[in-house]
Amino acid sequence: MDTLSRLPWAAQSAVFKKLESIADVGSMSRSERLKYDEALKKYRDTLSVFEGARMEGREEGIREGIREGIKKGKIENARKMKAYGLALDMISDITGLTIDEVRDL
């Protein structure tokens, strides 16, 4: 209790709200507790799914950014090679771009 009295009012309020929610769960009947536990499980599963989807989207975005960066680098190198007069098929072979992509630069 001494520690609790040293906490700021907002923290004390949060502690008491948490204790109140625990007490409410403790006073539930068996069937209410089963329903509560099932609802809590669904809530946590949903949060987990959303977090997984967010991380997958982020990873896909990173992979896409890397692919775009590599493609831009190939295009820039092909432009330089083309400016030096290298043959289109040679540029295509070196960069991995198609001959049509090299021709369109």
PDB file of N, CA and C in Angstrom:
ATOM      1  N   MET A   1       0.823  -1.184   0.000  1.00  0.00           N
ATOM      2  CA  MET A   1       0.000   0.000   0.000  1.00  0.00           C
ATOM      3  C   MET A   1       0.867   1.248   0.000  1.00  0.00           C
ATOM      4  N   ASP A   2       2.045   1.156   0.644  1.00  0.00           N
ATOM      5  CA  ASP A   2       2.954   2.300   0.679  1.00  0.00           C
ATOM      6  C   ASP A   2       3.380   2.686  -0.735  1.00  0.00           C
ATOM      7  N   THR A   3       3.693   1.677  -1.557  1.00  0.00           N
ATOM      8  CA  THR A   3       4.081   1.932  -2.944  1.00  0.00           C
ATOM      9  C   THR A   3       2.937   2.564  -3.709  1.00  0.00           C
ATOM     10  N   LEU A   4       1.743   2.083  -3.481  1.00  0.00           N
ATOM     11  CA  LEU A   4       0.568   2.610  -4.164  1.00  0.00           C
ATOM     12  C   LEU A   4       0.348   4.078  -3.817  1.00  0.00           C
ATOM     13  N   SER A   5       0.569   4.443  -2.557  1.00  0.00           N
ATOM     14  CA  SER A   5       0.337   5.833  -2.154  1.00  0.00           C
ATOM     15  C   SER A   5       1.365   6.779  -2.756  1.00  0.00           C
ATOM     16  N   ARG A   6       2.523   6.263  -3.172  1.00  0.00           N
ATOM     17  CA  ARG A   6       3.548   7.103  -3.797  1.00  0.00           C
ATOM     18  C   ARG A   6       3.320   7.298  -5.291  1.00  0.00           C
ATOM     19  N   LEU A   7       2.429   6.522  -5.886  1.00  0.00           N
ATOM     20  CA  LEU A   7       2.146   6.653  -7.313  1.00  0.00           C
ATOM     21  C   LEU A   7       1.321   7.906  -7.587  1.00  0.00           C
ATOM     22  N   PRO A   8       1.506   8.518  -8.760  1.00  0.00           N
ATOM     23  CA  PRO A   8       0.653   9.649  -9.125  1.00  0.00           C
ATOM     24  C   PRO A   8      -0.801   9.185  -9.252  1.00  0.00           C
ATOM     25  N   TRP A   9      -1.721  10.125  -9.188  1.00  0.00           N
ATOM     26  CA  TRP A   9      -3.154   9.797  -9.202  1.00  0.00           C
ATOM     27  C   TRP A   9      -3.540   8.961 -10.420  1.00  0.00           C
ATOM     28  N   ALA A  10      -3.025   9.317 -11.601  1.00  0.00           N
ATOM     29  CA  ALA A  10      -3.395   8.576 -12.818  1.00  0.00           C
ATOM     30  C   ALA A  10      -2.959   7.117 -12.712  1.00  0.00           C
ATOM     31  N   ALA A  11      -1.773   6.884 -12.184  1.00  0.00           N
ATOM     32  CA  ALA A  11      -1.285   5.514 -12.047  1.00  0.00           C
ATOM     33  C   ALA A  11      -2.108   4.755 -11.005  1.00  0.00           C
ATOM     34  N   GLN A  12      -2.471   5.427  -9.912  1.00  0.00           N
ATOM     35  CA  GLN A  12      -3.313   4.784  -8.902  1.00  0.00           C
ATOM     36  C   GLN A  12      -4.643   4.382  -9.508  1.00  0.00           C
ATOM     37  N   SER A  13      -5.209   5.280 -10.307  1.00  0.00           N
ATOM     38  CA  SER A  13      -6.490   5.006 -10.953  1.00  0.00           C
ATOM     39  C   SER A  13      -6.383   3.797 -11.870  1.00  0.00           C
ATOM     40  N   ALA A  14      -5.290   3.725 -12.630  1.00  0.00           N
ATOM     41  CA  ALA A  14      -5.091   2.587 -13.543  1.00  0.00           C
ATOM     42  C   ALA A  14      -4.972   1.286 -12.763  1.00  0.00           C
ATOM     43  N   VAL A  15      -4.264   1.328 -11.642  1.00  0.00           N
ATOM     44  CA  VAL A  15      -4.099   0.126 -10.816  1.00  0.00           C
ATOM     45  C   VAL A  15      -5.454  -0.338 -10.309  1.00  0.00           C
ATOM     46  N   PHE A  16      -6.271   0.610  -9.809  1.00  0.00           N
ATOM     47  CA  PHE A  16      -7.574   0.233  -9.276  1.00  0.00           C
ATOM     48  C   PHE A  16      -8.516  -0.256 -10.374  1.00  0.00           C
ATOM     49  N   LYS A  17      -8.420   0.316 -11.560  1.00  0.00           N
ATOM     50  CA  LYS A  17      -9.248  -0.177 -12.675  1.00  0.00           C
ATOM     51  C   LYS A  17      -8.864  -1.602 -13.030  1.00  0.00           C
ATOM     52  N   LYS A  18      -7.570  -1.889 -13.040  1.00  0.00           N
ATOM     53  CA  LYS A  18      -7.101  -3.245 -13.334  1.00  0.00           C
ATOM     54  C   LYS A  18      -7.593  -4.218 -12.256  1.00  0.00           C
ATOM     55  N   LEU A  19      -7.481  -3.811 -10.990  1.00  0.00           N
ATOM     56  CA  LEU A  19      -7.959  -4.666  -9.896  1.00  0.00           C
ATOM     57  C   LEU A  19      -9.465  -4.900 -10.002  1.00  0.00           C
ATOM     58  N   GLU A  20     -10.200  -3.857 -10.400  1.00  0.00           N
ATOM     59  CA  GLU A  20     -11.643  -3.991 -10.557  1.00  0.00           C
ATOM     60  C   GLU A  20     -11.984  -4.999 -11.657  1.00  0.00           C
ATOM     61  N   SER A  21     -11.252  -4.935 -12.781  1.00  0.00           N
ATOM     62  CA  SER A  21     -11.536  -5.880 -13.874  1.00  0.00           C
ATOM     63  C   SER A  21     -11.202  -7.309 -13.462  1.00  0.00           C
ATOM     64  N   ILE A  22     -10.130  -7.482 -12.673  1.00  0.00           N
ATOM     65  CA  ILE A  22      -9.784  -8.826 -12.196  1.00  0.00           C
ATOM     66  C   ILE A  22     -10.865  -9.341 -11.256  1.00  0.00           C
ATOM     67  N   ALA A  23     -11.345  -8.477 -10.379  1.00  0.00           N
ATOM     68  CA  ALA A  23     -12.389  -8.872  -9.440  1.00  0.00           C
ATOM     69  C   ALA A  23     -13.668  -9.249 -10.176  1.00  0.00           C
ATOM     70  N   ASP A  24     -14.000  -8.500 -11.218  1.00  0.00           N
ATOM     71  CA  ASP A  24     -15.197  -8.820 -11.997  1.00  0.00           C
ATOM     72  C   ASP A  24     -15.085 -10.186 -12.645  1.00  0.00           C
ATOM     73  N   VAL A  25     -13.925 -10.500 -13.216  1.00  0.00           N
ATOM     74  CA  VAL A  25     -13.721 -11.805 -13.842  1.00  0.00           C
ATOM     75  C   VAL A  25     -13.802 -12.902 -12.784  1.00  0.00           C
ATOM     76  N   GLY A  26     -13.269 -12.640 -11.604  1.00  0.00           N
ATOM     77  CA  GLY A  26     -13.286 -13.623 -10.526  1.00  0.00           C
ATOM     78  C   GLY A  26     -14.676 -13.923 -10.008  1.00  0.00           C
ATOM     79  N   SER A  27     -15.599 -12.978 -10.164  1.00  0.00           N
ATOM     80  CA  SER A  27     -16.954 -13.182  -9.646  1.00  0.00           C
ATOM     81  C   SER A  27     -17.904 -13.794 -10.681  1.00  0.00           C
ATOM     82  N   MET A  28     -17.401 -14.114 -11.847  1.00  0.00           N
ATOM     83  CA  MET A  28     -18.255 -14.693 -12.891  1.00  0.00           C
ATOM     84  C   MET A  28     -18.607 -16.138 -12.566  1.00  0.00           C
ATOM     85  N   SER A  29     -19.771 -16.554 -13.068  1.00  0.00           N
ATOM     86  CA  SER A  29     -20.151 -17.964 -12.950  1.00  0.00           C
ATOM     87  C   SER A  29     -19.310 -18.765 -13.942  1.00  0.00           C
ATOM     88  N   ARG A  30     -19.364 -20.073 -13.820  1.00  0.00           N
ATOM     89  CA  ARG A  30     -18.571 -20.924 -14.711  1.00  0.00           C
ATOM     90  C   ARG A  30     -18.931 -20.689 -16.177  1.00  0.00           C
ATOM     91  N   SER A  31     -20.216 -20.625 -16.493  1.00  0.00           N
ATOM     92  CA  SER A  31     -20.624 -20.435 -17.895  1.00  0.00           C
ATOM     93  C   SER A  31     -20.225 -19.034 -18.383  1.00  0.00           C
ATOM     94  N   GLU A  32     -20.357 -18.028 -17.513  1.00  0.00           N
ATOM     95  CA  GLU A  32     -19.932 -16.673 -17.897  1.00  0.00           C
ATOM     96  C   GLU A  32     -18.427 -16.640 -18.128  1.00  0.00           C
ATOM     97  N   ARG A  33     -17.685 -17.336 -17.280  1.00  0.00           N
ATOM     98  CA  ARG A  33     -16.227 -17.358 -17.405  1.00  0.00           C
ATOM     99  C   ARG A  33     -15.815 -18.049 -18.700  1.00  0.00           C
ATOM    100  N   LEU A  34     -16.495 -19.137 -19.065  1.00  0.00           N
ATOM    101  CA  LEU A  34     -16.187 -19.829 -20.325  1.00  0.00           C
ATOM    102  C   LEU A  34     -16.444 -18.919 -21.518  1.00  0.00           C
ATOM    103  N   LYS A  35     -17.580 -18.209 -21.486  1.00  0.00           N
ATOM    104  CA  LYS A  35     -17.892 -17.261 -22.562  1.00  0.00           C
ATOM    105  C   LYS A  35     -16.857 -16.140 -22.618  1.00  0.00           C
ATOM    106  N   TYR A  36     -16.491 -15.640 -21.448  1.00  0.00           N
ATOM    107  CA  TYR A  36     -15.489 -14.574 -21.371  1.00  0.00           C
ATOM    108  C   TYR A  36     -14.149 -15.050 -21.935  1.00  0.00           C
ATOM    109  N   ASP A  37     -13.719 -16.234 -21.508  1.00  0.00           N
ATOM    110  CA  ASP A  37     -12.448 -16.779 -21.986  1.00  0.00           C
ATOM    111  C   ASP A  37     -12.462 -16.989 -23.489  1.00  0.00           C
ATOM    112  N   GLU A  38     -13.589 -17.466 -24.022  1.00  0.00           N
ATOM    113  CA  GLU A  38     -13.707 -17.675 -25.467  1.00  0.00           C
ATOM    114  C   GLU A  38     -13.639 -16.338 -26.212  1.00  0.00           C
ATOM    115  N   ALA A  39     -14.330 -15.334 -25.694  1.00  0.00           N
ATOM    116  CA  ALA A  39     -14.306 -14.011 -26.318  1.00  0.00           C
ATOM    117  C   ALA A  39     -12.898 -13.419 -26.265  1.00  0.00           C
ATOM    118  N   LEU A  40     -12.222 -13.593 -25.145  1.00  0.00           N
ATOM    119  CA  LEU A  40     -10.853 -13.100 -25.002  1.00  0.00           C
ATOM    120  C   LEU A  40      -9.913 -13.808 -25.971  1.00  0.00           C
ATOM    121  N   LYS A  41     -10.100 -15.115 -26.133  1.00  0.00           N
ATOM    122  CA  LYS A  41      -9.282 -15.885 -27.076  1.00  0.00           C
ATOM    123  C   LYS A  41      -9.497 -15.384 -28.497  1.00  0.00           C
ATOM    124  N   LYS A  42     -10.760 -15.153 -28.882  1.00  0.00           N
ATOM    125  CA  LYS A  42     -11.054 -14.645 -30.224  1.00  0.00           C
ATOM    126  C   LYS A  42     -10.426 -13.270 -30.428  1.00  0.00           C
ATOM    127  N   TYR A  43     -10.509 -12.421 -29.415  1.00  0.00           N
ATOM    128  CA  TYR A  43      -9.929 -11.084 -29.496  1.00  0.00           C
ATOM    129  C   TYR A  43      -8.420 -11.172 -29.702  1.00  0.00           C
ATOM    130  N   ARG A  44      -7.765 -11.998 -28.909  1.00  0.00           N
ATOM    131  CA  ARG A  44      -6.307 -12.140 -29.022  1.00  0.00           C
ATOM    132  C   ARG A  44      -5.912 -12.772 -30.349  1.00  0.00           C
ATOM    133  N   ASP A  45      -6.701 -13.738 -30.824  1.00  0.00           N
ATOM    134  CA  ASP A  45      -6.430 -14.341 -32.132  1.00  0.00           C
ATOM    135  C   ASP A  45      -6.548 -13.305 -33.245  1.00  0.00           C
ATOM    136  N   THR A  46      -7.572 -12.465 -33.148  1.00  0.00           N
ATOM    137  CA  THR A  46      -7.764 -11.421 -34.151  1.00  0.00           C
ATOM    138  C   THR A  46      -6.583 -10.453 -34.153  1.00  0.00           C
ATOM    139  N   LEU A  47      -6.150 -10.037 -32.964  1.00  0.00           N
ATOM    140  CA  LEU A  47      -4.985  -9.153 -32.880  1.00  0.00           C
ATOM    141  C   LEU A  47      -3.757  -9.813 -33.495  1.00  0.00           C
ATOM    142  N   SER A  48      -3.599 -11.093 -33.232  1.00  0.00           N
ATOM    143  CA  SER A  48      -2.456 -11.824 -33.768  1.00  0.00           C
ATOM    144  C   SER A  48      -2.504 -11.893 -35.297  1.00  0.00           C
ATOM    145  N   VAL A  49      -3.687 -12.135 -35.839  1.00  0.00           N
ATOM    146  CA  VAL A  49      -3.849 -12.196 -37.298  1.00  0.00           C
ATOM    147  C   VAL A  49      -3.527 -10.844 -37.925  1.00  0.00           C
ATOM    148  N   PHE A  50      -4.045  -9.769 -37.320  1.00  0.00           N
ATOM    149  CA  PHE A  50      -3.777  -8.433 -37.851  1.00  0.00           C
ATOM    150  C   PHE A  50      -2.289  -8.108 -37.797  1.00  0.00           C
ATOM    151  N   GLU A  51      -1.644  -8.462 -36.699  1.00  0.00           N
ATOM    152  CA  GLU A  51      -0.212  -8.197 -36.576  1.00  0.00           C
ATOM    153  C   GLU A  51       0.575  -8.999 -37.611  1.00  0.00           C
ATOM    154  N   GLY A  52       0.184 -10.260 -37.809  1.00  0.00           N
ATOM    155  CA  GLY A  52       0.844 -11.077 -38.828  1.00  0.00           C
ATOM    156  C   GLY A  52       0.664 -10.507 -40.220  1.00  0.00           C
ATOM    157  N   ALA A  53      -0.552 -10.070 -40.529  1.00  0.00           N
ATOM    158  CA  ALA A  53      -0.816  -9.489 -41.846  1.00  0.00           C
ATOM    159  C   ALA A  53      -0.029  -8.197 -42.039  1.00  0.00           C
ATOM    160  N   ARG A  54       0.064  -7.404 -40.976  1.00  0.00           N
ATOM    161  CA  ARG A  54       0.824  -6.154 -41.060  1.00  0.00           C
ATOM    162  C   ARG A  54       2.297  -6.443 -41.340  1.00  0.00           C
ATOM    163  N   MET A  55       2.837  -7.442 -40.652  1.00  0.00           N
ATOM    164  CA  MET A  55       4.242  -7.782 -40.855  1.00  0.00           C
ATOM    165  C   MET A  55       4.478  -8.360 -42.247  1.00  0.00           C
ATOM    166  N   GLU A  56       3.537  -9.195 -42.727  1.00  0.00           N
ATOM    167  CA  GLU A  56       3.674  -9.746 -44.076  1.00  0.00           C
ATOM    168  C   GLU A  56       3.644  -8.632 -45.112  1.00  0.00           C
ATOM    169  N   GLY A  57       2.734  -7.678 -44.924  1.00  0.00           N
ATOM    170  CA  GLY A  57       2.653  -6.541 -45.847  1.00  0.00           C
ATOM    171  C   GLY A  57       3.917  -5.720 -45.846  1.00  0.00           C
ATOM    172  N   ARG A  58       4.463  -5.527 -44.669  1.00  0.00           N
ATOM    173  CA  ARG A  58       5.705  -4.756 -44.564  1.00  0.00           C
ATOM    174  C   ARG A  58       6.846  -5.493 -45.273  1.00  0.00           C
ATOM    175  N   GLU A  59       6.952  -6.793 -45.032  1.00  0.00           N
ATOM    176  CA  GLU A  59       8.004  -7.580 -45.675  1.00  0.00           C
ATOM    177  C   GLU A  59       7.841  -7.570 -47.191  1.00  0.00           C
ATOM    178  N   GLU A  60       6.604  -7.687 -47.662  1.00  0.00           N
ATOM    179  CA  GLU A  60       6.361  -7.657 -49.110  1.00  0.00           C
ATOM    180  C   GLU A  60       6.742  -6.296 -49.678  1.00  0.00           C
ATOM    181  N   GLY A  61       6.437  -5.236 -48.946  1.00  0.00           N
ATOM    182  CA  GLY A  61       6.810  -3.891 -49.380  1.00  0.00           C
ATOM    183  C   GLY A  61       8.317  -3.733 -49.486  1.00  0.00           C
ATOM    184  N   ILE A  62       9.033  -4.299 -48.528  1.00  0.00           N
ATOM    185  CA  ILE A  62      10.495  -4.233 -48.564  1.00  0.00           C
ATOM    186  C   ILE A  62      11.024  -5.001 -49.770  1.00  0.00           C
ATOM    187  N   ARG A  63      10.480  -6.212 -49.981  1.00  0.00           N
ATOM    188  CA  ARG A  63      10.923  -7.015 -51.140  1.00  0.00           C
ATOM    189  C   ARG A  63      10.638  -6.292 -52.449  1.00  0.00           C
ATOM    190  N   GLU A  64       9.464  -5.673 -52.544  1.00  0.00           N
ATOM    191  CA  GLU A  64       9.101  -4.949 -53.773  1.00  0.00           C
ATOM    192  C   GLU A  64      10.039  -3.763 -53.976  1.00  0.00           C
ATOM    193  N   GLY A  65      10.360  -3.067 -52.907  1.00  0.00           N
ATOM    194  CA  GLY A  65      11.289  -1.938 -53.003  1.00  0.00           C
ATOM    195  C   GLY A  65      12.662  -2.377 -53.470  1.00  0.00           C
ATOM    196  N   ILE A  66      13.121  -3.513 -52.984  1.00  0.00           N
ATOM    197  CA  ILE A  66      14.422  -4.038 -53.406  1.00  0.00           C
ATOM    198  C   ILE A  66      14.388  -4.390 -54.890  1.00  0.00           C
ATOM    199  N   ARG A  67      13.289  -5.055 -55.321  1.00  0.00           N
ATOM    200  CA  ARG A  67      13.169  -5.407 -56.744  1.00  0.00           C
ATOM    201  C   ARG A  67      13.186  -4.158 -57.623  1.00  0.00           C
ATOM    202  N   GLU A  68      12.451  -3.114 -57.200  1.00  0.00           N
ATOM    203  CA  GLU A  68      12.419  -1.869 -57.976  1.00  0.00           C
ATOM    204  C   GLU A  68      13.795  -1.223 -58.029  1.00  0.00           C
ATOM    205  N   GLY A  69      14.511  -1.240 -56.903  1.00  0.00           N
ATOM    206  CA  GLY A  69      15.853  -0.660 -56.860  1.00  0.00           C
ATOM    207  C   GLY A  69      16.817  -1.385 -57.778  1.00  0.00           C
ATOM    208  N   ILE A  70      16.735  -2.698 -57.781  1.00  0.00           N
ATOM    209  CA  ILE A  70      17.598  -3.493 -58.664  1.00  0.00           C
ATOM    210  C   ILE A  70      17.285  -3.189 -60.122  1.00  0.00           C
ATOM    211  N   LYS A  71      15.993  -3.112 -60.441  1.00  0.00           N
ATOM    212  CA  LYS A  71      15.582  -2.822 -61.823  1.00  0.00           C
ATOM    213  C   LYS A  71      16.092  -1.443 -62.257  1.00  0.00           C
ATOM    214  N   LYS A  72      15.969  -0.441 -61.375  1.00  0.00           N
ATOM    215  CA  LYS A  72      16.446   0.913 -61.705  1.00  0.00           C
ATOM    216  C   LYS A  72      17.955   0.908 -61.929  1.00  0.00           C
ATOM    217  N   GLY A  73      18.668   0.143 -61.103  1.00  0.00           N
ATOM    218  CA  GLY A  73      20.118   0.051 -61.284  1.00  0.00           C
ATOM    219  C   GLY A  73      20.479  -0.584 -62.620  1.00  0.00           C
ATOM    220  N   LYS A  74      19.763  -1.616 -62.997  1.00  0.00           N
ATOM    221  CA  LYS A  74      20.010  -2.260 -64.287  1.00  0.00           C
ATOM    222  C   LYS A  74      19.746  -1.300 -65.438  1.00  0.00           C
ATOM    223  N   ILE A  75      18.660  -0.540 -65.309  1.00  0.00           N
ATOM    224  CA  ILE A  75      18.302   0.411 -66.368  1.00  0.00           C
ATOM    225  C   ILE A  75      19.370   1.494 -66.481  1.00  0.00           C
ATOM    226  N   GLU A  76      19.831   2.011 -65.339  1.00  0.00           N
ATOM    227  CA  GLU A  76      20.859   3.049 -65.382  1.00  0.00           C
ATOM    228  C   GLU A  76      22.146   2.521 -65.998  1.00  0.00           C
ATOM    229  N   ASN A  77      22.543   1.310 -65.607  1.00  0.00           N
ATOM    230  CA  ASN A  77      23.744   0.715 -66.192  1.00  0.00           C
ATOM    231  C   ASN A  77      23.570   0.483 -67.686  1.00  0.00           C
ATOM    232  N   ALA A  78      22.396   0.041 -68.092  1.00  0.00           N
ATOM    233  CA  ALA A  78      22.140  -0.187 -69.520  1.00  0.00           C
ATOM    234  C   ALA A  78      22.219   1.120 -70.292  1.00  0.00           C
ATOM    235  N   ARG A  79      21.692   2.200 -69.727  1.00  0.00           N
ATOM    236  CA  ARG A  79      21.778   3.510 -70.394  1.00  0.00           C
ATOM    237  C   ARG A  79      23.237   3.921 -70.605  1.00  0.00           C
ATOM    238  N   LYS A  80      24.058   3.714 -69.568  1.00  0.00           N
ATOM    239  CA  LYS A  80      25.477   4.060 -69.683  1.00  0.00           C
ATOM    240  C   LYS A  80      26.156   3.201 -70.750  1.00  0.00           C
ATOM    241  N   MET A  81      25.851   1.912 -70.758  1.00  0.00           N
ATOM    242  CA  MET A  81      26.450   1.015 -71.750  1.00  0.00           C
ATOM    243  C   MET A  81      26.014   1.409 -73.157  1.00  0.00           C
ATOM    244  N   LYS A  82      24.749   1.770 -73.282  1.00  0.00           N
ATOM    245  CA  LYS A  82      24.227   2.185 -74.578  1.00  0.00           C
ATOM    246  C   LYS A  82      24.910   3.467 -75.031  1.00  0.00           C
ATOM    247  N   ALA A  83      25.163   4.383 -74.089  1.00  0.00           N
ATOM    248  CA  ALA A  83      25.852   5.632 -74.419  1.00  0.00           C
ATOM    249  C   ALA A  83      27.279   5.364 -74.886  1.00  0.00           C
ATOM    250  N   TYR A  84      27.904   4.300 -74.372  1.00  0.00           N
ATOM    251  CA  TYR A  84      29.249   3.935 -74.815  1.00  0.00           C
ATOM    252  C   TYR A  84      29.240   3.146 -76.123  1.00  0.00           C
ATOM    253  N   GLY A  85      28.043   2.835 -76.630  1.00  0.00           N
ATOM    254  CA  GLY A  85      27.928   2.187 -77.914  1.00  0.00           C
ATOM    255  C   GLY A  85      28.004   0.674 -77.888  1.00  0.00           C
ATOM    256  N   LEU A  86      27.814   0.059 -76.747  1.00  0.00           N
ATOM    257  CA  LEU A  86      27.814  -1.406 -76.710  1.00  0.00           C
ATOM    258  C   LEU A  86      26.604  -1.947 -77.466  1.00  0.00           C
ATOM    259  N   ALA A  87      26.731  -3.133 -77.995  1.00  0.00           N
ATOM    260  CA  ALA A  87      25.647  -3.769 -78.745  1.00  0.00           C
ATOM    261  C   ALA A  87      24.476  -4.078 -77.812  1.00  0.00           C
ATOM    262  N   LEU A  88      23.258  -3.959 -78.342  1.00  0.00           N
ATOM    263  CA  LEU A  88      22.060  -4.185 -77.551  1.00  0.00           C
ATOM    264  C   LEU A  88      22.030  -5.580 -76.940  1.00  0.00           C
ATOM    265  N   ASP A  89      22.430  -6.591 -77.738  1.00  0.00           N
ATOM    266  CA  ASP A  89      22.396  -7.958 -77.198  1.00  0.00           C
ATOM    267  C   ASP A  89      23.411  -8.142 -76.071  1.00  0.00           C
ATOM    268  N   MET A  90      24.526  -7.453 -76.141  1.00  0.00           N
ATOM    269  CA  MET A  90      25.525  -7.524 -75.086  1.00  0.00           C
ATOM    270  C   MET A  90      24.988  -6.842 -73.807  1.00  0.00           C
ATOM    271  N   ILE A  91      24.370  -5.690 -73.980  1.00  0.00           N
ATOM    272  CA  ILE A  91      23.784  -4.979 -72.837  1.00  0.00           C
ATOM    273  C   ILE A  91      22.698  -5.836 -72.198  1.00  0.00           C
ATOM    274  N   SER A  92      21.869  -6.431 -73.020  1.00  0.00           N
ATOM    275  CA  SER A  92      20.804  -7.293 -72.534  1.00  0.00           C
ATOM    276  C   SER A  92      21.370  -8.465 -71.746  1.00  0.00           C
ATOM    277  N   ASP A  93      22.429  -9.068 -72.258  1.00  0.00           N
ATOM    278  CA  ASP A  93      23.056 -10.205 -71.604  1.00  0.00           C
ATOM    279  C   ASP A  93      23.676  -9.802 -70.261  1.00  0.00           C
ATOM    280  N   ILE A  94      24.308  -8.655 -70.208  1.00  0.00           N
ATOM    281  CA  ILE A  94      24.978  -8.206 -68.984  1.00  0.00           C
ATOM    282  C   ILE A  94      23.965  -7.797 -67.907  1.00  0.00           C
ATOM    283  N   THR A  95      22.941  -7.040 -68.306  1.00  0.00           N
ATOM    284  CA  THR A  95      22.002  -6.483 -67.322  1.00  0.00           C
ATOM    285  C   THR A  95      20.833  -7.408 -66.994  1.00  0.00           C
ATOM    286  N   GLY A  96      20.517  -8.323 -67.891  1.00  0.00           N
ATOM    287  CA  GLY A  96      19.356  -9.171 -67.686  1.00  0.00           C
ATOM    288  C   GLY A  96      18.074  -8.542 -68.204  1.00  0.00           C
ATOM    289  N   LEU A  97      18.167  -7.352 -68.775  1.00  0.00           N
ATOM    290  CA  LEU A  97      17.000  -6.718 -69.389  1.00  0.00           C
ATOM    291  C   LEU A  97      16.770  -7.333 -70.754  1.00  0.00           C
ATOM    292  N   THR A  98      15.549  -7.239 -71.243  1.00  0.00           N
ATOM    293  CA  THR A  98      15.278  -7.736 -72.591  1.00  0.00           C
ATOM    294  C   THR A  98      15.843  -6.743 -73.601  1.00  0.00           C
ATOM    295  N   ILE A  99      16.036  -7.233 -74.818  1.00  0.00           N
ATOM    296  CA  ILE A  99      16.558  -6.360 -75.875  1.00  0.00           C
ATOM    297  C   ILE A  99      15.571  -5.218 -76.136  1.00  0.00           C
ATOM    298  N   ASP A 100      14.278  -5.496 -76.075  1.00  0.00           N
ATOM    299  CA  ASP A 100      13.283  -4.439 -76.277  1.00  0.00           C
ATOM    300  C   ASP A 100      13.386  -3.369 -75.166  1.00  0.00           C
ATOM    301  N   GLU A 101      13.606  -3.792 -73.928  1.00  0.00           N
ATOM    302  CA  GLU A 101      13.752  -2.825 -72.841  1.00  0.00           C
ATOM    303  C   GLU A 101      14.987  -1.953 -73.059  1.00  0.00           C
ATOM    304  N   VAL A 102      16.078  -2.565 -73.515  1.00  0.00           N
ATOM    305  CA  VAL A 102      17.317  -1.823 -73.775  1.00  0.00           C
ATOM    306  C   VAL A 102      17.110  -0.866 -74.938  1.00  0.00           C
ATOM    307  N   ARG A 103      16.427  -1.337 -75.965  1.00  0.00           N
ATOM    308  CA  ARG A 103      16.180  -0.508 -77.162  1.00  0.00           C
ATOM    309  C   ARG A 103      15.347   0.711 -76.799  1.00  0.00           C
ATOM    310  N   ASP A 104      14.396   0.556 -75.879  1.00  0.00           N
ATOM    311  CA  ASP A 104      13.491   1.655 -75.521  1.00  0.00           C
ATOM    312  C   ASP A 104      14.140   2.718 -74.629  1.00  0.00           C
ATOM    313  N   LEU A 105      15.341   2.453 -74.150  1.00  0.00           N
ATOM    314  CA  LEU A 105      16.007   3.432 -73.259  1.00  0.00           C
ATOM    315  C   LEU A 105      16.481   4.652 -74.028  1.00  0.00           C
TER     316      LEU A 105
END
